[in-house]
Amino acid sequence: MSNEKPSFYSVRQAAERLGVGQATLYRAIREGAFPAVRIRGRYVIPAAALDKLITDAVEAGTCIDLNRMTAQHRTAREIARLAGGGPR
């Protein structure tokens, strides 16, 4: 068995790492508040995104509000799009 870290986690694996229920994580994904990749009907969570979230929480030393981070990311992306620098 390989000791390599996976590139992606299943929703179940990510939920276990975060200590939340799968339903909570699915809801956050569907609301656009949690990064995921959808392949046909299945979601997978990028390991890098999960690791960054964990690192940010530890480094901040306070509560990380994923909904606020997502809103800020969307706003920045929309500003870039309107300025002609982002996807249309």
Protein backbone atom coordinates (compact mmCIF):
# COMPACT_ATOMS: atom_id res chain seq x y z
CA MET A 1 0.00 0.00 0.00
CA SER A 2 1.30 3.43 -0.94
CA ASN A 3 2.01 6.08 1.67
CA GLU A 4 1.48 8.82 -0.91
CA LYS A 5 -1.03 11.46 0.00
CA PRO A 6 -4.12 11.41 -2.23
CA SER A 7 -4.80 14.29 -4.61
CA PHE A 8 -8.52 14.08 -3.82
CA TYR A 9 -10.72 12.89 -1.00
CA SER A 10 -14.20 11.47 -1.19
CA VAL A 11 -16.86 13.50 0.59
CA ARG A 12 -16.92 10.85 3.30
CA GLN A 13 -13.14 11.08 3.82
CA ALA A 14 -13.14 14.90 3.84
CA ALA A 15 -16.08 15.01 6.25
CA GLU A 16 -14.23 12.65 8.59
CA ARG A 17 -11.08 14.81 8.47
CA LEU A 18 -13.15 17.90 9.27
CA GLY A 19 -15.25 16.18 11.92
CA VAL A 20 -18.55 17.01 10.24
CA GLY A 21 -21.32 14.91 8.79
CA GLN A 22 -21.41 14.07 5.11
CA ALA A 23 -24.77 15.81 4.73
CA THR A 24 -23.26 19.03 6.09
CA LEU A 25 -20.40 18.86 3.62
CA TYR A 26 -22.69 18.02 0.68
CA ARG A 27 -24.87 21.01 1.59
CA ALA A 28 -21.85 23.33 1.71
CA ILE A 29 -20.63 22.04 -1.67
CA ARG A 30 -24.03 22.53 -3.30
CA GLU A 31 -24.28 26.06 -1.86
CA GLY A 32 -20.87 26.90 -3.32
CA ALA A 33 -19.35 27.34 0.13
CA PHE A 34 -16.85 24.48 -0.10
CA PRO A 35 -14.42 23.64 -2.92
CA ALA A 36 -15.12 20.43 -4.81
CA VAL A 37 -14.85 18.88 -8.24
CA ARG A 38 -17.92 17.24 -9.70
CA ILE A 39 -17.33 14.23 -11.92
CA ARG A 40 -20.66 13.16 -13.33
CA GLY A 41 -22.76 12.75 -10.20
CA ARG A 42 -19.89 12.37 -7.75
CA TYR A 43 -18.06 15.07 -5.81
CA VAL A 44 -14.42 14.85 -4.80
CA ILE A 45 -12.54 17.29 -2.60
CA PRO A 46 -9.09 18.49 -3.66
CA ALA A 47 -6.60 17.57 -0.94
CA ALA A 48 -4.81 20.90 -1.47
CA ALA A 49 -8.01 22.84 -0.72
CA LEU A 50 -8.67 20.85 2.44
CA ASP A 51 -5.05 21.25 3.58
CA LYS A 52 -5.15 25.01 2.92
CA LEU A 53 -8.37 25.37 4.89
CA ILE A 54 -6.85 23.51 7.84
CA THR A 55 -3.60 25.50 7.65
CA ASP A 56 -5.44 28.82 7.42
CA ALA A 57 -7.50 27.95 10.50
CA VAL A 58 -4.41 27.03 12.50
CA GLU A 59 -2.41 30.07 11.38
CA ALA A 60 -5.28 32.49 11.99
CA GLY A 61 -5.74 31.24 15.52
CA THR A 62 -9.40 32.08 15.22
CA CYS A 63 -12.55 30.88 13.51
CA ILE A 64 -12.33 30.67 9.72
CA ASP A 65 -15.71 31.50 8.17
CA LEU A 66 -15.82 29.50 4.95
CA ASN A 67 -18.97 31.28 3.77
CA ARG A 68 -17.24 34.66 4.09
CA MET A 69 -14.11 33.38 2.32
CA THR A 70 -16.26 32.02 -0.51
CA ALA A 71 -18.13 35.30 -0.85
CA GLN A 72 -14.84 37.22 -0.98
CA HIS A 73 -13.51 34.86 -3.64
CA ARG A 74 -16.67 35.24 -5.72
CA THR A 75 -16.50 39.04 -5.40
CA ALA A 76 -12.85 39.12 -6.48
CA ARG A 77 -13.62 36.82 -9.42
CA GLU A 78 -16.56 38.98 -10.49
CA ILE A 79 -14.46 42.16 -10.27
CA ALA A 80 -11.77 40.52 -12.41
CA ARG A 81 -14.41 39.39 -14.91
CA LEU A 82 -15.92 42.89 -15.12
CA ALA A 83 -12.46 44.38 -15.52
CA GLY A 84 -11.84 42.03 -18.44
CA GLY A 85 -9.40 39.77 -16.67
CA GLY A 86 -11.52 36.81 -15.68
CA PRO A 87 -13.63 34.05 -17.20
CA ARG A 88 -16.86 35.07 -18.83
